[in-house]
């Protein structure tokens, strides 16, 4: 578990893999076990495709407030993401998993 919470806290915070790793983290298996036990596991991501692929629930923040929250398929909407990120996007279903894929909309 990472962050300032105590070891007995019911929420675990995860940092995505990369150069900065939490020294108290022992890998994804204990986090999955905690989630299966009913503990909250919080991940902060800016990669919407990764969030859609693995999260049961997501929250989109806009100007410091929650603009939408719920299952990725219900939250990742073309218009909402365009408004929040100020860029045209297209949200499609992954052909195999059905998870939302967020793609930049290109001018043709």
N, C-alpha and C. Protein backbone atom coordinates (compact mmCIF):
# COMPACT_ATOMS: atom_id res chain seq x y z
N UNK A 1 0.84 -1.16 0.00
CA UNK A 1 0.00 0.00 0.00
C UNK A 1 0.89 1.23 0.00
N UNK A 2 0.54 2.23 -0.80
CA UNK A 2 1.28 3.49 -0.87
C UNK A 2 0.47 4.58 -0.22
N UNK A 3 1.09 5.71 0.00
CA UNK A 3 0.37 6.86 0.51
C UNK A 3 0.57 7.03 1.99
N UNK A 4 -0.23 7.92 2.57
CA UNK A 4 -0.04 8.26 3.97
C UNK A 4 -0.94 7.48 4.90
N UNK A 5 -1.80 6.62 4.37
CA UNK A 5 -2.70 5.84 5.22
C UNK A 5 -1.96 4.79 6.02
N UNK A 6 -2.56 4.35 7.09
CA UNK A 6 -1.94 3.31 7.91
C UNK A 6 -2.14 1.96 7.25
N UNK A 7 -1.38 0.99 7.69
CA UNK A 7 -1.47 -0.35 7.12
C UNK A 7 -2.85 -0.96 7.34
N UNK A 8 -3.58 -0.47 8.35
CA UNK A 8 -4.91 -1.02 8.60
C UNK A 8 -6.00 -0.27 7.85
N UNK A 9 -5.62 0.72 7.06
CA UNK A 9 -6.60 1.50 6.30
C UNK A 9 -7.36 0.60 5.34
N UNK A 10 -8.63 0.93 5.09
CA UNK A 10 -9.42 0.11 4.18
C UNK A 10 -9.30 0.56 2.74
N UNK A 11 -8.45 1.53 2.44
CA UNK A 11 -8.24 1.97 1.06
C UNK A 11 -6.78 1.83 0.71
N UNK A 12 -6.50 1.30 -0.47
CA UNK A 12 -5.13 1.17 -0.95
C UNK A 12 -4.96 2.08 -2.15
N UNK A 13 -3.86 2.79 -2.21
CA UNK A 13 -3.57 3.68 -3.33
C UNK A 13 -2.48 3.04 -4.17
N UNK A 14 -2.65 3.05 -5.47
CA UNK A 14 -1.70 2.40 -6.37
C UNK A 14 -1.10 3.45 -7.29
N UNK A 15 0.20 3.40 -7.48
CA UNK A 15 0.84 4.23 -8.49
C UNK A 15 1.03 3.37 -9.72
N UNK A 16 0.81 3.93 -10.93
CA UNK A 16 1.04 3.13 -12.13
C UNK A 16 2.49 2.73 -12.24
N UNK A 17 2.78 1.61 -12.95
CA UNK A 17 4.17 1.18 -13.07
C UNK A 17 5.00 2.24 -13.76
N UNK A 18 6.22 2.37 -13.34
CA UNK A 18 7.10 3.35 -13.94
C UNK A 18 8.29 3.58 -13.03
N UNK A 19 9.07 4.63 -13.30
CA UNK A 19 10.28 4.86 -12.53
C UNK A 19 10.03 5.13 -11.05
N UNK A 20 8.95 5.81 -10.73
CA UNK A 20 8.67 6.12 -9.32
C UNK A 20 7.78 5.03 -8.75
N UNK A 21 8.35 4.18 -7.92
CA UNK A 21 7.58 3.10 -7.31
C UNK A 21 7.50 3.33 -5.81
N UNK A 22 6.43 2.90 -5.24
CA UNK A 22 6.24 3.02 -3.81
C UNK A 22 7.03 1.92 -3.12
N UNK A 23 7.84 2.29 -2.15
CA UNK A 23 8.69 1.29 -1.50
C UNK A 23 7.88 0.32 -0.64
N UNK A 24 6.68 0.71 -0.23
CA UNK A 24 5.87 -0.18 0.60
C UNK A 24 4.99 -1.09 -0.23
N UNK A 25 4.98 -0.91 -1.54
CA UNK A 25 4.14 -1.73 -2.41
C UNK A 25 4.82 -3.06 -2.67
N UNK A 26 4.04 -4.11 -2.66
CA UNK A 26 4.61 -5.42 -2.95
C UNK A 26 3.98 -6.04 -4.19
N UNK A 27 3.51 -5.22 -5.08
CA UNK A 27 2.99 -5.72 -6.35
C UNK A 27 1.48 -5.76 -6.41
N UNK A 28 0.96 -6.11 -7.60
CA UNK A 28 -0.49 -6.05 -7.81
C UNK A 28 -1.28 -7.14 -7.09
N UNK A 29 -0.68 -8.27 -6.80
CA UNK A 29 -1.45 -9.36 -6.18
C UNK A 29 -2.06 -8.98 -4.84
N UNK A 30 -1.28 -8.40 -3.90
CA UNK A 30 -1.91 -8.00 -2.63
C UNK A 30 -3.03 -6.98 -2.83
N UNK A 31 -2.87 -6.06 -3.80
CA UNK A 31 -3.92 -5.08 -4.06
C UNK A 31 -5.18 -5.78 -4.56
N UNK A 32 -5.02 -6.73 -5.44
CA UNK A 32 -6.19 -7.47 -5.95
C UNK A 32 -6.86 -8.25 -4.83
N UNK A 33 -6.07 -8.81 -3.95
CA UNK A 33 -6.64 -9.55 -2.82
C UNK A 33 -7.41 -8.60 -1.91
N UNK A 34 -6.87 -7.40 -1.70
CA UNK A 34 -7.58 -6.42 -0.87
C UNK A 34 -8.88 -6.00 -1.54
N UNK A 35 -8.84 -5.77 -2.85
CA UNK A 35 -10.06 -5.40 -3.57
C UNK A 35 -11.08 -6.51 -3.49
N UNK A 36 -10.64 -7.77 -3.65
CA UNK A 36 -11.55 -8.91 -3.56
C UNK A 36 -12.15 -9.03 -2.16
N UNK A 37 -11.42 -8.56 -1.15
CA UNK A 37 -11.90 -8.60 0.22
C UNK A 37 -12.86 -7.46 0.52
N UNK A 38 -13.05 -6.56 -0.46
CA UNK A 38 -13.99 -5.47 -0.27
C UNK A 38 -13.36 -4.13 0.04
N UNK A 39 -12.02 -4.08 0.13
CA UNK A 39 -11.35 -2.80 0.38
C UNK A 39 -11.38 -1.96 -0.90
N UNK A 40 -11.37 -0.66 -0.74
CA UNK A 40 -11.30 0.25 -1.88
C UNK A 40 -9.87 0.33 -2.38
N UNK A 41 -9.70 0.30 -3.67
CA UNK A 41 -8.39 0.47 -4.29
C UNK A 41 -8.51 1.66 -5.23
N UNK A 42 -7.71 2.70 -4.99
CA UNK A 42 -7.79 3.93 -5.76
C UNK A 42 -6.57 4.06 -6.65
N UNK A 43 -6.79 4.32 -7.93
CA UNK A 43 -5.71 4.52 -8.89
C UNK A 43 -5.96 5.85 -9.60
N UNK A 44 -4.94 6.66 -9.73
CA UNK A 44 -5.05 7.92 -10.46
C UNK A 44 -4.33 7.74 -11.78
N UNK A 45 -5.09 7.85 -12.88
CA UNK A 45 -4.53 7.67 -14.22
C UNK A 45 -4.95 8.82 -15.11
N UNK A 46 -4.11 9.13 -16.07
CA UNK A 46 -4.48 10.08 -17.11
C UNK A 46 -4.68 9.35 -18.43
N UNK A 47 -4.41 8.07 -18.47
CA UNK A 47 -4.60 7.24 -19.66
C UNK A 47 -6.02 6.66 -19.61
N UNK A 48 -6.92 7.25 -20.38
CA UNK A 48 -8.32 6.84 -20.31
C UNK A 48 -8.54 5.41 -20.80
N UNK A 49 -7.76 4.98 -21.81
CA UNK A 49 -7.90 3.61 -22.30
C UNK A 49 -7.51 2.59 -21.23
N UNK A 50 -6.45 2.87 -20.50
CA UNK A 50 -6.01 1.99 -19.42
C UNK A 50 -7.05 1.97 -18.30
N UNK A 51 -7.58 3.13 -17.97
CA UNK A 51 -8.63 3.19 -16.94
C UNK A 51 -9.86 2.40 -17.38
N UNK A 52 -10.26 2.55 -18.65
CA UNK A 52 -11.44 1.84 -19.16
C UNK A 52 -11.23 0.34 -19.17
N UNK A 53 -10.00 -0.09 -19.44
CA UNK A 53 -9.72 -1.52 -19.52
C UNK A 53 -9.74 -2.21 -18.16
N UNK A 54 -9.37 -1.49 -17.09
CA UNK A 54 -9.20 -2.17 -15.80
C UNK A 54 -10.11 -1.69 -14.68
N UNK A 55 -10.68 -0.51 -14.80
CA UNK A 55 -11.47 0.03 -13.68
C UNK A 55 -12.92 -0.42 -13.74
N UNK A 56 -13.50 -0.68 -12.59
CA UNK A 56 -14.93 -0.95 -12.49
C UNK A 56 -15.71 0.36 -12.49
N UNK A 57 -15.06 1.39 -11.96
CA UNK A 57 -15.70 2.70 -11.85
C UNK A 57 -14.64 3.77 -12.07
N UNK A 58 -15.01 4.85 -12.77
CA UNK A 58 -14.09 5.95 -13.03
C UNK A 58 -14.78 7.27 -12.67
N UNK A 59 -13.96 8.28 -12.43
CA UNK A 59 -14.46 9.64 -12.23
C UNK A 59 -13.65 10.55 -13.14
N UNK A 60 -14.33 11.42 -13.85
CA UNK A 60 -13.68 12.41 -14.69
C UNK A 60 -13.78 13.75 -13.97
N UNK A 61 -12.62 14.37 -13.74
CA UNK A 61 -12.58 15.65 -13.06
C UNK A 61 -12.47 16.77 -14.09
N UNK A 62 -13.17 17.86 -13.82
CA UNK A 62 -13.11 19.05 -14.68
C UNK A 62 -13.12 20.28 -13.79
N UNK A 63 -12.03 21.05 -13.87
CA UNK A 63 -11.89 22.26 -13.06
C UNK A 63 -12.07 21.99 -11.57
N UNK A 64 -11.48 20.88 -11.12
CA UNK A 64 -11.49 20.55 -9.70
C UNK A 64 -12.76 19.91 -9.18
N UNK A 65 -13.69 19.62 -10.06
CA UNK A 65 -14.95 19.00 -9.64
C UNK A 65 -15.20 17.72 -10.45
N UNK A 66 -15.99 16.84 -9.90
CA UNK A 66 -16.34 15.61 -10.61
C UNK A 66 -17.38 15.95 -11.68
N UNK A 67 -17.00 15.75 -12.94
CA UNK A 67 -17.89 16.00 -14.06
C UNK A 67 -18.79 14.80 -14.32
N UNK A 68 -18.28 13.61 -14.05
CA UNK A 68 -19.05 12.37 -14.24
C UNK A 68 -18.36 11.25 -13.48
N UNK A 69 -19.13 10.29 -13.00
CA UNK A 69 -18.54 9.09 -12.40
C UNK A 69 -19.48 7.92 -12.60
N UNK A 70 -18.88 6.73 -12.65
CA UNK A 70 -19.63 5.51 -12.86
C UNK A 70 -18.81 4.54 -13.68
N UNK A 71 -19.43 3.53 -14.26
CA UNK A 71 -18.70 2.58 -15.10
C UNK A 71 -18.11 3.29 -16.32
N UNK A 72 -16.91 2.89 -16.78
CA UNK A 72 -16.27 3.57 -17.91
C UNK A 72 -17.18 3.70 -19.14
N UNK A 73 -17.94 2.67 -19.46
CA UNK A 73 -18.79 2.73 -20.66
C UNK A 73 -19.88 3.80 -20.53
N UNK A 74 -20.27 4.13 -19.33
CA UNK A 74 -21.28 5.15 -19.13
C UNK A 74 -20.71 6.55 -18.96
N UNK A 75 -19.43 6.63 -18.62
CA UNK A 75 -18.81 7.92 -18.33
C UNK A 75 -18.04 8.46 -19.53
N UNK A 76 -17.30 7.60 -20.22
CA UNK A 76 -16.47 8.06 -21.33
C UNK A 76 -17.35 8.29 -22.55
N UNK A 77 -17.76 9.53 -22.70
CA UNK A 77 -18.67 9.96 -23.74
C UNK A 77 -17.97 11.02 -24.58
N UNK A 78 -18.16 10.98 -25.90
CA UNK A 78 -17.51 11.92 -26.82
C UNK A 78 -17.66 13.37 -26.35
N UNK A 79 -18.88 13.79 -26.07
CA UNK A 79 -19.14 15.18 -25.75
C UNK A 79 -18.54 15.59 -24.40
N UNK A 80 -18.67 14.75 -23.39
CA UNK A 80 -18.10 15.06 -22.08
C UNK A 80 -16.58 15.20 -22.19
N UNK A 81 -15.93 14.25 -22.83
CA UNK A 81 -14.47 14.30 -22.93
C UNK A 81 -14.00 15.47 -23.78
N UNK A 82 -14.75 15.83 -24.81
CA UNK A 82 -14.41 16.99 -25.62
C UNK A 82 -14.47 18.26 -24.78
N UNK A 83 -15.49 18.36 -23.95
CA UNK A 83 -15.65 19.53 -23.10
C UNK A 83 -14.54 19.59 -22.04
N UNK A 84 -14.24 18.47 -21.42
CA UNK A 84 -13.24 18.44 -20.35
C UNK A 84 -11.82 18.67 -20.90
N UNK A 85 -11.46 17.98 -21.98
CA UNK A 85 -10.09 18.07 -22.51
C UNK A 85 -9.93 19.11 -23.61
N UNK A 86 -11.04 19.72 -24.03
CA UNK A 86 -11.04 20.74 -25.07
C UNK A 86 -10.36 20.26 -26.36
N UNK A 87 -10.60 19.00 -26.69
CA UNK A 87 -10.10 18.39 -27.91
C UNK A 87 -11.19 17.44 -28.43
N UNK A 88 -11.39 17.40 -29.74
CA UNK A 88 -12.38 16.45 -30.26
C UNK A 88 -11.89 15.01 -30.13
N UNK A 89 -12.73 14.17 -29.59
CA UNK A 89 -12.39 12.75 -29.44
C UNK A 89 -13.55 11.90 -29.95
N UNK A 90 -13.23 10.65 -30.17
CA UNK A 90 -14.23 9.67 -30.57
C UNK A 90 -14.10 8.49 -29.62
N UNK A 91 -15.19 8.04 -29.05
CA UNK A 91 -15.16 6.90 -28.14
C UNK A 91 -15.79 5.72 -28.86
N UNK A 92 -15.00 4.66 -29.00
CA UNK A 92 -15.45 3.43 -29.68
C UNK A 92 -15.34 2.26 -28.71
N UNK A 93 -16.09 1.22 -28.97
CA UNK A 93 -15.98 -0.01 -28.17
C UNK A 93 -14.84 -0.86 -28.71
N UNK A 94 -14.00 -1.37 -27.81
CA UNK A 94 -12.92 -2.28 -28.21
C UNK A 94 -13.57 -3.49 -28.88
N UNK A 95 -13.04 -3.93 -30.03
CA UNK A 95 -13.70 -5.01 -30.77
C UNK A 95 -13.76 -6.34 -30.02
N UNK A 96 -12.84 -6.59 -29.11
CA UNK A 96 -12.85 -7.87 -28.40
C UNK A 96 -13.45 -7.77 -27.01
N UNK A 97 -13.09 -6.70 -26.27
CA UNK A 97 -13.54 -6.62 -24.87
C UNK A 97 -14.77 -5.75 -24.67
N UNK A 98 -15.02 -4.84 -25.61
CA UNK A 98 -16.13 -3.92 -25.46
C UNK A 98 -15.80 -2.70 -24.62
N UNK A 99 -14.61 -2.66 -24.01
CA UNK A 99 -14.20 -1.51 -23.20
C UNK A 99 -14.08 -0.28 -24.09
N UNK A 100 -14.40 0.88 -23.57
CA UNK A 100 -14.28 2.10 -24.38
C UNK A 100 -12.83 2.37 -24.78
N UNK A 101 -12.66 2.80 -26.02
CA UNK A 101 -11.37 3.27 -26.52
C UNK A 101 -11.55 4.74 -26.88
N UNK A 102 -10.68 5.58 -26.37
CA UNK A 102 -10.78 7.01 -26.62
C UNK A 102 -9.72 7.39 -27.65
N UNK A 103 -10.17 7.89 -28.79
CA UNK A 103 -9.27 8.24 -29.88
C UNK A 103 -9.43 9.71 -30.24
N UNK A 104 -8.32 10.36 -30.61
CA UNK A 104 -8.48 11.74 -31.08
C UNK A 104 -9.22 11.75 -32.41
N UNK A 105 -10.09 12.71 -32.58
CA UNK A 105 -10.81 12.83 -33.85
C UNK A 105 -9.94 13.67 -34.77
N UNK A 106 -9.66 13.13 -35.95
CA UNK A 106 -8.80 13.83 -36.91
C UNK A 106 -9.64 14.54 -37.97
N UNK A 107 -9.17 15.69 -38.33
CA UNK A 107 -9.83 16.42 -39.42
C UNK A 107 -9.43 15.75 -40.73
N UNK A 108 -10.40 15.53 -41.58
CA UNK A 108 -10.11 14.87 -42.87
C UNK A 108 -10.25 15.86 -43.99
